[in-house]
C-alpha atoms as a PDB file:
ATOM      1  CA  MET A   1      16.691  23.862 -30.175  1.00  0.00           C
ATOM      2  CA  LYS A   2      18.571  25.341 -27.111  1.00  0.00           C
ATOM      3  CA  ASN A   3      15.022  26.470 -25.441  1.00  0.00           C
ATOM      4  CA  SER A   4      13.955  22.730 -26.103  1.00  0.00           C
ATOM      5  CA  PHE A   5      16.737  21.133 -24.363  1.00  0.00           C
ATOM      6  CA  ILE A   6      16.245  23.391 -21.619  1.00  0.00           C
ATOM      7  CA  ARG A   7      12.790  23.149 -21.172  1.00  0.00           C
ATOM      8  CA  TYR A   8      13.163  18.891 -21.579  1.00  0.00           C
ATOM      9  CA  SER A   9      15.844  19.156 -19.154  1.00  0.00           C
ATOM     10  CA  LEU A  10      13.939  21.094 -16.674  1.00  0.00           C
ATOM     11  CA  ALA A  11      10.905  18.687 -17.148  1.00  0.00           C
ATOM     12  CA  ILE A  12      13.171  15.504 -16.258  1.00  0.00           C
ATOM     13  CA  VAL A  13      14.774  17.368 -13.160  1.00  0.00           C
ATOM     14  CA  LEU A  14      11.120  18.235 -11.982  1.00  0.00           C
ATOM     15  CA  ALA A  15      10.006  14.817 -12.505  1.00  0.00           C
ATOM     16  CA  ALA A  16      12.710  13.254 -10.560  1.00  0.00           C
ATOM     17  CA  CYS A  17      11.655  15.510  -7.790  1.00  0.00           C
ATOM     18  CA  ALA A  18       8.147  14.473  -7.737  1.00  0.00           C
ATOM     19  CA  THR A  19       9.269  11.024  -7.807  1.00  0.00           C
ATOM     20  CA  GLY A  20      11.320  11.574  -4.911  1.00  0.00           C
ATOM     21  CA  ALA A  21       8.720  13.415  -3.132  1.00  0.00           C
ATOM     22  CA  MET A  22       6.563  10.488  -3.498  1.00  0.00           C
ATOM     23  CA  ALA A  23       9.289   8.112  -1.862  1.00  0.00           C
ATOM     24  CA  GLN A  24       8.802   9.767   1.335  1.00  0.00           C
ATOM     25  CA  GLN A  25      10.194   8.516   4.321  1.00  0.00           C
ATOM     26  CA  LEU A  26       7.350   6.931   6.192  1.00  0.00           C
ATOM     27  CA  LYS A  27       7.448   5.157   9.637  1.00  0.00           C
ATOM     28  CA  THR A  28       8.103   1.528   9.740  1.00  0.00           C
ATOM     29  CA  THR A  29       6.402  -1.217  12.089  1.00  0.00           C
ATOM     30  CA  GLN A  30       6.887  -4.777  12.316  1.00  0.00           C
ATOM     31  CA  LEU A  31       3.525  -6.765  11.792  1.00  0.00           C
ATOM     32  CA  SER A  32       2.938 -10.566  12.537  1.00  0.00           C
ATOM     33  CA  ALA A  33       0.762 -13.050  10.146  1.00  0.00           C
ATOM     34  CA  GLY A  34       0.983 -16.140  11.806  1.00  0.00           C
ATOM     35  CA  MET A  35       4.814 -16.945  12.324  1.00  0.00           C
ATOM     36  CA  HIS A  36       5.683 -14.393   9.579  1.00  0.00           C
ATOM     37  CA  LEU A  37       6.946 -10.926  10.040  1.00  0.00           C
ATOM     38  CA  ILE A  38       6.357  -8.216   7.792  1.00  0.00           C
ATOM     39  CA  GLN A  39       8.487  -5.123   7.940  1.00  0.00           C
ATOM     40  CA  ALA A  40       5.440  -2.266   7.154  1.00  0.00           C
ATOM     41  CA  GLU A  41       5.515   1.235   6.149  1.00  0.00           C
ATOM     42  CA  VAL A  42       2.750   3.006   7.603  1.00  0.00           C
ATOM     43  CA  ALA A  43       0.756   5.406   5.881  1.00  0.00           C
ATOM     44  CA  VAL A  44      -1.496   7.360   8.176  1.00  0.00           C
ATOM     45  CA  THR A  45      -2.232  10.775   6.417  1.00  0.00           C
ATOM     46  CA  ASP A  46      -4.427  11.444   3.325  1.00  0.00           C
ATOM     47  CA  ASP A  47      -1.160  12.349   1.384  1.00  0.00           C
ATOM     48  CA  GLN A  48       0.647   9.355   2.523  1.00  0.00           C
ATOM     49  CA  ARG A  49      -2.340   7.228   1.641  1.00  0.00           C
ATOM     50  CA  GLU A  50      -2.702   8.825  -1.772  1.00  0.00           C
ATOM     51  CA  VAL A  51       1.077   8.200  -2.801  1.00  0.00           C
ATOM     52  CA  GLY A  52       1.029   4.725  -1.140  1.00  0.00           C
ATOM     53  CA  LEU A  53       3.591   2.603  -3.034  1.00  0.00           C
ATOM     54  CA  MET A  54       3.464   4.757  -6.283  1.00  0.00           C
ATOM     55  CA  TYR A  55       6.538   4.871  -8.118  1.00  0.00           C
ATOM     56  CA  ARG A  56       8.515   2.181  -6.395  1.00  0.00           C
ATOM     57  CA  GLU A  57       9.994  -0.403  -8.504  1.00  0.00           C
ATOM     58  CA  LYS A  58      10.469  -3.072  -6.272  1.00  0.00           C
ATOM     59  CA  MET A  59       9.923  -4.059  -2.578  1.00  0.00           C
ATOM     60  CA  PRO A  60      11.585  -6.803  -0.366  1.00  0.00           C
ATOM     61  CA  ALA A  61      10.041 -10.100   0.098  1.00  0.00           C
ATOM     62  CA  ASN A  62       8.665  -9.693   3.470  1.00  0.00           C
ATOM     63  CA  ALA A  63       8.020  -5.936   3.382  1.00  0.00           C
ATOM     64  CA  GLY A  64       4.626  -3.947   2.465  1.00  0.00           C
ATOM     65  CA  MET A  65       2.550  -0.649   3.294  1.00  0.00           C
ATOM     66  CA  LEU A  66      -0.067  -0.746   5.816  1.00  0.00           C
ATOM     67  CA  PHE A  67      -2.686   2.251   5.453  1.00  0.00           C
ATOM     68  CA  VAL A  68      -4.452   3.234   8.535  1.00  0.00           C
ATOM     69  CA  PHE A  69      -7.922   4.597   7.770  1.00  0.00           C
ATOM     70  CA  GLY A  70      -9.569   7.418  10.045  1.00  0.00           C
ATOM     71  CA  ALA A  71     -12.814   5.962  10.712  1.00  0.00           C
ATOM     72  CA  PRO A  72     -14.350   2.363   9.700  1.00  0.00           C
ATOM     73  CA  ALA A  73     -15.841   2.110   6.247  1.00  0.00           C
ATOM     74  CA  THR A  74     -15.415   0.340   2.896  1.00  0.00           C
ATOM     75  CA  GLN A  75     -12.473   1.072   1.681  1.00  0.00           C
ATOM     76  CA  CYS A  76     -10.803   1.003  -1.819  1.00  0.00           C
ATOM     77  CA  MET A  77      -7.598   0.663  -3.415  1.00  0.00           C
ATOM     78  CA  TRP A  78      -6.203   1.609  -6.895  1.00  0.00           C
ATOM     79  CA  MET A  79      -2.745   1.059  -8.730  1.00  0.00           C
ATOM     80  CA  LYS A  80      -2.503   4.417 -10.479  1.00  0.00           C
ATOM     81  CA  ASN A  81       1.091   4.836 -11.155  1.00  0.00           C
ATOM     82  CA  THR A  82       2.280   1.703  -9.466  1.00  0.00           C
ATOM     83  CA  PRO A  83       4.552  -0.509 -11.510  1.00  0.00           C
ATOM     84  CA  LEU A  84       4.662  -3.563  -8.712  1.00  0.00           C
ATOM     85  CA  PRO A  85       1.830  -6.296  -8.737  1.00  0.00           C
ATOM     86  CA  LEU A  86       0.606  -6.251  -5.464  1.00  0.00           C
ATOM     87  CA  SER A  87      -1.938  -8.053  -3.293  1.00  0.00           C
ATOM     88  CA  VAL A  88      -3.938  -6.150  -0.580  1.00  0.00           C
ATOM     89  CA  ALA A  89      -5.687  -7.492   2.741  1.00  0.00           C
ATOM     90  CA  PHE A  90      -8.603  -5.374   4.148  1.00  0.00           C
ATOM     91  CA  ILE A  91      -8.290  -5.517   7.760  1.00  0.00           C
ATOM     92  CA  ASP A  92     -11.124  -4.644  10.325  1.00  0.00           C
ATOM     93  CA  ALA A  93     -10.323  -2.976  13.864  1.00  0.00           C
ATOM     94  CA  ALA A  94      -9.545  -5.983  15.925  1.00  0.00           C
ATOM     95  CA  GLY A  95      -6.888  -6.989  13.241  1.00  0.00           C
ATOM     96  CA  LYS A  96      -8.676  -9.862  11.413  1.00  0.00           C
ATOM     97  CA  ILE A  97      -8.340 -10.011   7.395  1.00  0.00           C
ATOM     98  CA  VAL A  98     -11.677  -9.557   6.019  1.00  0.00           C
ATOM     99  CA  ASN A  99     -10.698 -10.143   2.263  1.00  0.00           C
ATOM    100  CA  ILE A 100      -7.520 -10.072   0.138  1.00  0.00           C
ATOM    101  CA  GLU A 101      -7.566  -8.732  -3.284  1.00  0.00           C
ATOM    102  CA  ASP A 102      -5.110  -9.192  -6.319  1.00  0.00           C
ATOM    103  CA  MET A 103      -3.898  -5.818  -8.051  1.00  0.00           C
ATOM    104  CA  GLN A 104      -2.299  -5.414 -11.459  1.00  0.00           C
ATOM    105  CA  PRO A 105       0.148  -2.461 -12.071  1.00  0.00           C
ATOM    106  CA  HIS A 106      -0.882   0.935 -13.594  1.00  0.00           C
ATOM    107  CA  THR A 107      -4.559  -0.257 -13.514  1.00  0.00           C
ATOM    108  CA  LEU A 108      -7.517   2.050 -12.096  1.00  0.00           C
ATOM    109  CA  ASP A 109      -9.575  -0.896 -11.074  1.00  0.00           C
ATOM    110  CA  SER A 110     -11.121  -0.342  -7.818  1.00  0.00           C
ATOM    111  CA  HIS A 111     -10.234  -3.197  -5.249  1.00  0.00           C
ATOM    112  CA  CYS A 112     -12.631  -2.859  -2.363  1.00  0.00           C
ATOM    113  CA  SER A 113     -13.296  -4.403   0.990  1.00  0.00           C
ATOM    114  CA  THR A 114     -16.138  -6.607   1.544  1.00  0.00           C
ATOM    115  CA  LYS A 115     -19.277  -4.146   1.574  1.00  0.00           C
ATOM    116  CA  GLY A 116     -20.850  -3.830   4.752  1.00  0.00           C
ATOM    117  CA  VAL A 117     -17.975  -5.007   6.722  1.00  0.00           C
ATOM    118  CA  PRO A 118     -16.148  -1.690   8.139  1.00  0.00           C
ATOM    119  CA  VAL A 119     -12.315  -1.976   7.779  1.00  0.00           C
ATOM    120  CA  ARG A 120      -9.653   0.215   9.331  1.00  0.00           C
ATOM    121  CA  TYR A 121      -6.428  -0.703   7.881  1.00  0.00           C
ATOM    122  CA  ALA A 122      -5.261  -2.020   4.396  1.00  0.00           C
ATOM    123  CA  LEU A 123      -1.931  -4.021   3.973  1.00  0.00           C
ATOM    124  CA  GLU A 124      -0.261  -4.124   0.501  1.00  0.00           C
ATOM    125  CA  MET A 125       2.553  -6.715  -0.092  1.00  0.00           C
ATOM    126  CA  ASN A 126       4.050  -8.158  -3.382  1.00  0.00           C
ATOM    127  CA  LEU A 127       1.584 -10.023  -5.484  1.00  0.00           C
ATOM    128  CA  GLY A 128       0.759 -13.532  -3.980  1.00  0.00           C
ATOM    129  CA  TRP A 129       2.464 -12.972  -0.586  1.00  0.00           C
ATOM    130  CA  PHE A 130      -0.742 -13.790   1.167  1.00  0.00           C
ATOM    131  CA  ARG A 131      -1.434 -16.875  -0.928  1.00  0.00           C
ATOM    132  CA  GLN A 132       2.151 -18.300  -0.828  1.00  0.00           C
ATOM    133  CA  LYS A 133       2.105 -17.712   3.182  1.00  0.00           C
ATOM    134  CA  ASN A 134      -1.235 -19.376   3.276  1.00  0.00           C
ATOM    135  CA  ILE A 135      -2.909 -16.246   5.063  1.00  0.00           C
ATOM    136  CA  LYS A 136      -6.504 -16.020   4.208  1.00  0.00           C
ATOM    137  CA  PRO A 137      -9.169 -14.074   5.409  1.00  0.00           C
ATOM    138  CA  GLY A 138     -10.058 -14.688   9.220  1.00  0.00           C
ATOM    139  CA  ILE A 139      -6.654 -14.739  10.293  1.00  0.00           C
ATOM    140  CA  THR A 140      -5.346 -11.962  12.362  1.00  0.00           C
ATOM    141  CA  ILE A 141      -2.538  -9.293  11.735  1.00  0.00           C
ATOM    142  CA  GLY A 142      -0.824  -8.720  15.035  1.00  0.00           C
ATOM    143  CA  ASN A 143       1.278  -5.622  16.219  1.00  0.00           C
ATOM    144  CA  LEU A 144      -0.904  -3.274  14.413  1.00  0.00           C
ATOM    145  CA  PRO A 145      -0.719   0.565  15.229  1.00  0.00           C
ATOM    146  CA  PRO A 146      -3.074   1.616  17.448  1.00  0.00           C
ATOM    147  CA  LEU A 147      -6.409   3.721  16.054  1.00  0.00           C
ATOM    148  CA  ARG A 148      -7.107   7.383  16.903  1.00  0.00           C
END
């Protein structure tokens, strides 16, 4: 019984550490979408993009996560271990939104940019944010970080 309790306690501590590591401190930037300002965490490395918004329970109304990709390509997002319902805008190198997809929590469905249109960024916001602000494909996102 004592060993079971110790193993259980250790598992809880390890899970908490892993979750804390997942909520890594990322650089932030202020983006613009028309007259709307967005405070976005920026995921640039493979590890940062892989973790994304996993394990996040909530996100402020005008906050999001910007994924920066190393090369122009079709990109896909998923919601593994992500409890927040999100919308994602796929954005080309010039900052123009190519398409927007809604994503449900804890799913492994792929949500991809329009095939044949290479993107360099993806911006995840709370579900419906783009629709509520009347932000559609073709609109440009301003103040994106420079590409490498």
